[in-house]
Amino acid sequence: MEVVGNNGNSGSGNGATDWSGLIRALRQKTGMTQERLAAHLGVTTCTINRWEMGHSCPNTSSRKILTLHCKEHAIEESPCP
């Protein structure tokens, strides 16, 4: 899996988080579609797709919501706040 930093660029240091893997794992574990997750976060389906592909990463408010959902659903790799 590619590691994506908080600025959306690929990287491997300084608290980089694999948001693409976490978002994909969250959706798979919850059975949530990209459309449903997008509606829940108030973003577009294209945005979710870009996050999952590692082309960009969630903004601060979306990261907080995603982090809560990961904890709620016992997804082991929890993102850095």
N, C-alpha and C. Protein backbone atom coordinates (compact mmCIF):
# COMPACT_ATOMS: atom_id res chain seq x y z
N MET A 1 0.84 -1.19 0.00
CA MET A 1 0.00 0.00 0.00
C MET A 1 0.87 1.24 0.00
N GLU A 2 0.45 2.22 -0.73
CA GLU A 2 1.18 3.47 -0.75
C GLU A 2 0.86 4.27 0.50
N VAL A 3 1.85 4.89 1.08
CA VAL A 3 1.64 5.71 2.27
C VAL A 3 1.43 7.14 1.81
N VAL A 4 0.37 7.74 2.27
CA VAL A 4 0.05 9.11 1.90
C VAL A 4 0.11 9.97 3.14
N GLY A 5 0.87 11.04 3.07
CA GLY A 5 1.00 11.95 4.20
C GLY A 5 -0.18 12.86 4.34
N ASN A 6 -0.22 13.62 5.42
CA ASN A 6 -1.33 14.53 5.68
C ASN A 6 -1.48 15.61 4.63
N ASN A 7 -0.43 15.88 3.84
CA ASN A 7 -0.53 16.89 2.81
C ASN A 7 -0.95 16.31 1.47
N GLY A 8 -1.21 15.01 1.43
CA GLY A 8 -1.67 14.36 0.22
C GLY A 8 -0.55 13.83 -0.64
N ASN A 9 0.69 14.11 -0.29
CA ASN A 9 1.82 13.63 -1.06
C ASN A 9 2.30 12.30 -0.52
N SER A 10 2.84 11.49 -1.42
CA SER A 10 3.39 10.22 -0.99
C SER A 10 4.59 10.48 -0.09
N GLY A 11 4.76 9.62 0.89
CA GLY A 11 5.89 9.80 1.78
C GLY A 11 5.90 8.68 2.78
N SER A 12 6.98 8.60 3.54
CA SER A 12 7.04 7.51 4.49
C SER A 12 7.45 7.96 5.88
N GLY A 13 7.59 9.27 6.09
CA GLY A 13 8.04 9.70 7.40
C GLY A 13 7.13 10.71 8.02
N ASN A 14 7.46 11.06 9.25
CA ASN A 14 6.79 12.14 9.96
C ASN A 14 5.28 11.99 10.06
N GLY A 15 4.80 10.85 10.56
CA GLY A 15 3.38 10.70 10.84
C GLY A 15 2.52 10.46 9.61
N ALA A 16 3.12 10.00 8.52
CA ALA A 16 2.35 9.74 7.31
C ALA A 16 1.33 8.64 7.59
N THR A 17 0.16 8.77 7.01
CA THR A 17 -0.92 7.83 7.23
C THR A 17 -1.38 7.28 5.89
N ASP A 18 -1.66 6.00 5.84
CA ASP A 18 -2.19 5.39 4.63
C ASP A 18 -3.70 5.58 4.61
N TRP A 19 -4.13 6.78 4.29
CA TRP A 19 -5.57 7.08 4.27
C TRP A 19 -6.29 6.23 3.24
N SER A 20 -5.67 5.98 2.10
CA SER A 20 -6.34 5.19 1.07
C SER A 20 -6.68 3.80 1.61
N GLY A 21 -5.72 3.17 2.29
CA GLY A 21 -5.98 1.84 2.85
C GLY A 21 -7.00 1.87 3.96
N LEU A 22 -6.93 2.89 4.81
CA LEU A 22 -7.89 2.99 5.92
C LEU A 22 -9.31 3.20 5.42
N ILE A 23 -9.46 4.07 4.44
CA ILE A 23 -10.80 4.35 3.90
C ILE A 23 -11.36 3.11 3.23
N ARG A 24 -10.53 2.44 2.46
CA ARG A 24 -10.96 1.20 1.80
C ARG A 24 -11.34 0.16 2.84
N ALA A 25 -10.51 0.00 3.88
CA ALA A 25 -10.80 -0.99 4.94
C ALA A 25 -12.09 -0.65 5.67
N LEU A 26 -12.29 0.62 5.96
CA LEU A 26 -13.52 1.06 6.63
C LEU A 26 -14.74 0.74 5.78
N ARG A 27 -14.67 1.06 4.50
CA ARG A 27 -15.82 0.79 3.62
C ARG A 27 -16.09 -0.70 3.51
N GLN A 28 -15.02 -1.50 3.39
CA GLN A 28 -15.21 -2.95 3.27
C GLN A 28 -15.80 -3.54 4.54
N LYS A 29 -15.31 -3.10 5.68
CA LYS A 29 -15.79 -3.65 6.96
C LYS A 29 -17.24 -3.27 7.22
N THR A 30 -17.65 -2.06 6.80
CA THR A 30 -19.00 -1.59 7.07
C THR A 30 -19.97 -1.85 5.92
N GLY A 31 -19.45 -2.31 4.78
CA GLY A 31 -20.30 -2.53 3.61
C GLY A 31 -20.78 -1.22 2.99
N MET A 32 -20.07 -0.16 3.28
CA MET A 32 -20.47 1.17 2.80
C MET A 32 -19.95 1.40 1.38
N THR A 33 -20.78 1.97 0.54
CA THR A 33 -20.35 2.34 -0.81
C THR A 33 -19.62 3.67 -0.77
N GLN A 34 -18.89 3.98 -1.84
CA GLN A 34 -18.25 5.28 -1.92
C GLN A 34 -19.30 6.39 -1.87
N GLU A 35 -20.44 6.16 -2.50
CA GLU A 35 -21.51 7.15 -2.51
C GLU A 35 -22.03 7.43 -1.11
N ARG A 36 -22.24 6.36 -0.35
CA ARG A 36 -22.78 6.51 1.01
C ARG A 36 -21.77 7.21 1.93
N LEU A 37 -20.50 6.83 1.83
CA LEU A 37 -19.48 7.48 2.64
C LEU A 37 -19.35 8.94 2.26
N ALA A 38 -19.40 9.22 0.97
CA ALA A 38 -19.32 10.61 0.50
C ALA A 38 -20.45 11.45 1.07
N ALA A 39 -21.66 10.91 1.04
CA ALA A 39 -22.81 11.64 1.58
C ALA A 39 -22.65 11.87 3.08
N HIS A 40 -22.14 10.88 3.78
CA HIS A 40 -21.94 10.98 5.23
C HIS A 40 -20.93 12.07 5.58
N LEU A 41 -19.89 12.19 4.75
CA LEU A 41 -18.83 13.16 5.02
C LEU A 41 -19.08 14.52 4.36
N GLY A 42 -20.09 14.59 3.51
CA GLY A 42 -20.39 15.85 2.84
C GLY A 42 -19.41 16.18 1.72
N VAL A 43 -18.90 15.12 1.06
CA VAL A 43 -17.99 15.30 -0.07
C VAL A 43 -18.56 14.56 -1.27
N THR A 44 -17.90 14.67 -2.41
CA THR A 44 -18.38 13.97 -3.60
C THR A 44 -17.82 12.56 -3.67
N THR A 45 -18.45 11.73 -4.47
CA THR A 45 -17.96 10.38 -4.70
C THR A 45 -16.57 10.43 -5.34
N CYS A 46 -16.34 11.40 -6.21
CA CYS A 46 -15.02 11.56 -6.83
C CYS A 46 -13.95 11.82 -5.77
N THR A 47 -14.30 12.56 -4.74
CA THR A 47 -13.35 12.84 -3.66
C THR A 47 -12.98 11.55 -2.94
N ILE A 48 -13.97 10.73 -2.62
CA ILE A 48 -13.70 9.44 -1.96
C ILE A 48 -12.79 8.60 -2.85
N ASN A 49 -13.08 8.58 -4.13
CA ASN A 49 -12.27 7.81 -5.07
C ASN A 49 -10.83 8.32 -5.10
N ARG A 50 -10.63 9.62 -5.10
CA ARG A 50 -9.27 10.19 -5.08
C ARG A 50 -8.54 9.81 -3.80
N TRP A 51 -9.25 9.82 -2.67
CA TRP A 51 -8.64 9.41 -1.40
C TRP A 51 -8.20 7.96 -1.47
N GLU A 52 -9.09 7.09 -1.97
CA GLU A 52 -8.78 5.66 -2.03
C GLU A 52 -7.65 5.36 -3.01
N MET A 53 -7.54 6.14 -4.06
CA MET A 53 -6.48 5.94 -5.05
C MET A 53 -5.17 6.57 -4.60
N GLY A 54 -5.20 7.34 -3.51
CA GLY A 54 -3.99 7.97 -2.99
C GLY A 54 -3.60 9.24 -3.72
N HIS A 55 -4.53 9.80 -4.49
CA HIS A 55 -4.25 11.03 -5.23
C HIS A 55 -4.40 12.27 -4.37
N SER A 56 -5.15 12.17 -3.31
CA SER A 56 -5.30 13.26 -2.34
C SER A 56 -5.68 12.63 -1.01
N CYS A 57 -5.79 13.43 0.03
CA CYS A 57 -6.18 12.88 1.33
C CYS A 57 -7.24 13.77 1.97
N PRO A 58 -7.95 13.23 2.94
CA PRO A 58 -9.04 13.96 3.58
C PRO A 58 -8.55 15.23 4.29
N ASN A 59 -9.43 16.21 4.36
CA ASN A 59 -9.12 17.42 5.13
C ASN A 59 -9.27 17.10 6.62
N THR A 60 -8.94 18.05 7.45
CA THR A 60 -8.91 17.84 8.90
C THR A 60 -10.25 17.35 9.45
N SER A 61 -11.34 17.98 9.06
CA SER A 61 -12.64 17.56 9.61
C SER A 61 -13.02 16.16 9.15
N SER A 62 -12.73 15.82 7.90
CA SER A 62 -13.03 14.47 7.42
C SER A 62 -12.13 13.45 8.09
N ARG A 63 -10.86 13.81 8.32
CA ARG A 63 -9.94 12.90 9.01
C ARG A 63 -10.44 12.57 10.41
N LYS A 64 -10.97 13.57 11.11
CA LYS A 64 -11.49 13.34 12.47
C LYS A 64 -12.65 12.36 12.44
N ILE A 65 -13.57 12.55 11.51
CA ILE A 65 -14.73 11.65 11.39
C ILE A 65 -14.26 10.24 11.02
N LEU A 66 -13.36 10.15 10.06
CA LEU A 66 -12.86 8.84 9.64
C LEU A 66 -12.13 8.13 10.78
N THR A 67 -11.36 8.89 11.56
CA THR A 67 -10.66 8.31 12.70
C THR A 67 -11.64 7.73 13.71
N LEU A 68 -12.72 8.46 13.98
CA LEU A 68 -13.74 7.95 14.91
C LEU A 68 -14.37 6.67 14.38
N HIS A 69 -14.69 6.65 13.09
CA HIS A 69 -15.30 5.45 12.50
C HIS A 69 -14.34 4.27 12.54
N CYS A 70 -13.05 4.52 12.31
CA CYS A 70 -12.06 3.43 12.37
C CYS A 70 -12.01 2.84 13.78
N LYS A 71 -12.01 3.70 14.79
CA LYS A 71 -12.00 3.22 16.17
C LYS A 71 -13.28 2.46 16.48
N GLU A 72 -14.41 3.00 16.04
CA GLU A 72 -15.72 2.39 16.27
C GLU A 72 -15.79 0.98 15.70
N HIS A 73 -15.17 0.79 14.53
CA HIS A 73 -15.26 -0.49 13.84
C HIS A 73 -13.99 -1.33 14.00
N ALA A 74 -13.17 -0.96 15.01
CA ALA A 74 -11.97 -1.73 15.36
C ALA A 74 -11.04 -1.96 14.18
N ILE A 75 -10.84 -0.92 13.41
CA ILE A 75 -9.87 -1.01 12.33
C ILE A 75 -8.54 -0.67 12.96
N GLU A 76 -7.63 -1.65 12.91
CA GLU A 76 -6.40 -1.58 13.69
C GLU A 76 -5.50 -0.40 13.39
N GLU A 77 -5.30 -0.09 12.13
CA GLU A 77 -4.41 1.01 11.78
C GLU A 77 -5.17 2.32 11.97
N SER A 78 -4.94 2.99 13.08
CA SER A 78 -5.67 4.23 13.28
C SER A 78 -4.83 5.41 12.81
N PRO A 79 -5.44 6.31 12.04
CA PRO A 79 -4.70 7.44 11.50
C PRO A 79 -4.25 8.42 12.56
N CYS A 80 -3.21 9.15 12.25
CA CYS A 80 -2.74 10.21 13.13
C CYS A 80 -3.71 11.37 13.07
N PRO A 81 -4.06 11.97 14.20
CA PRO A 81 -5.01 13.10 14.18
C PRO A 81 -4.43 14.32 13.50
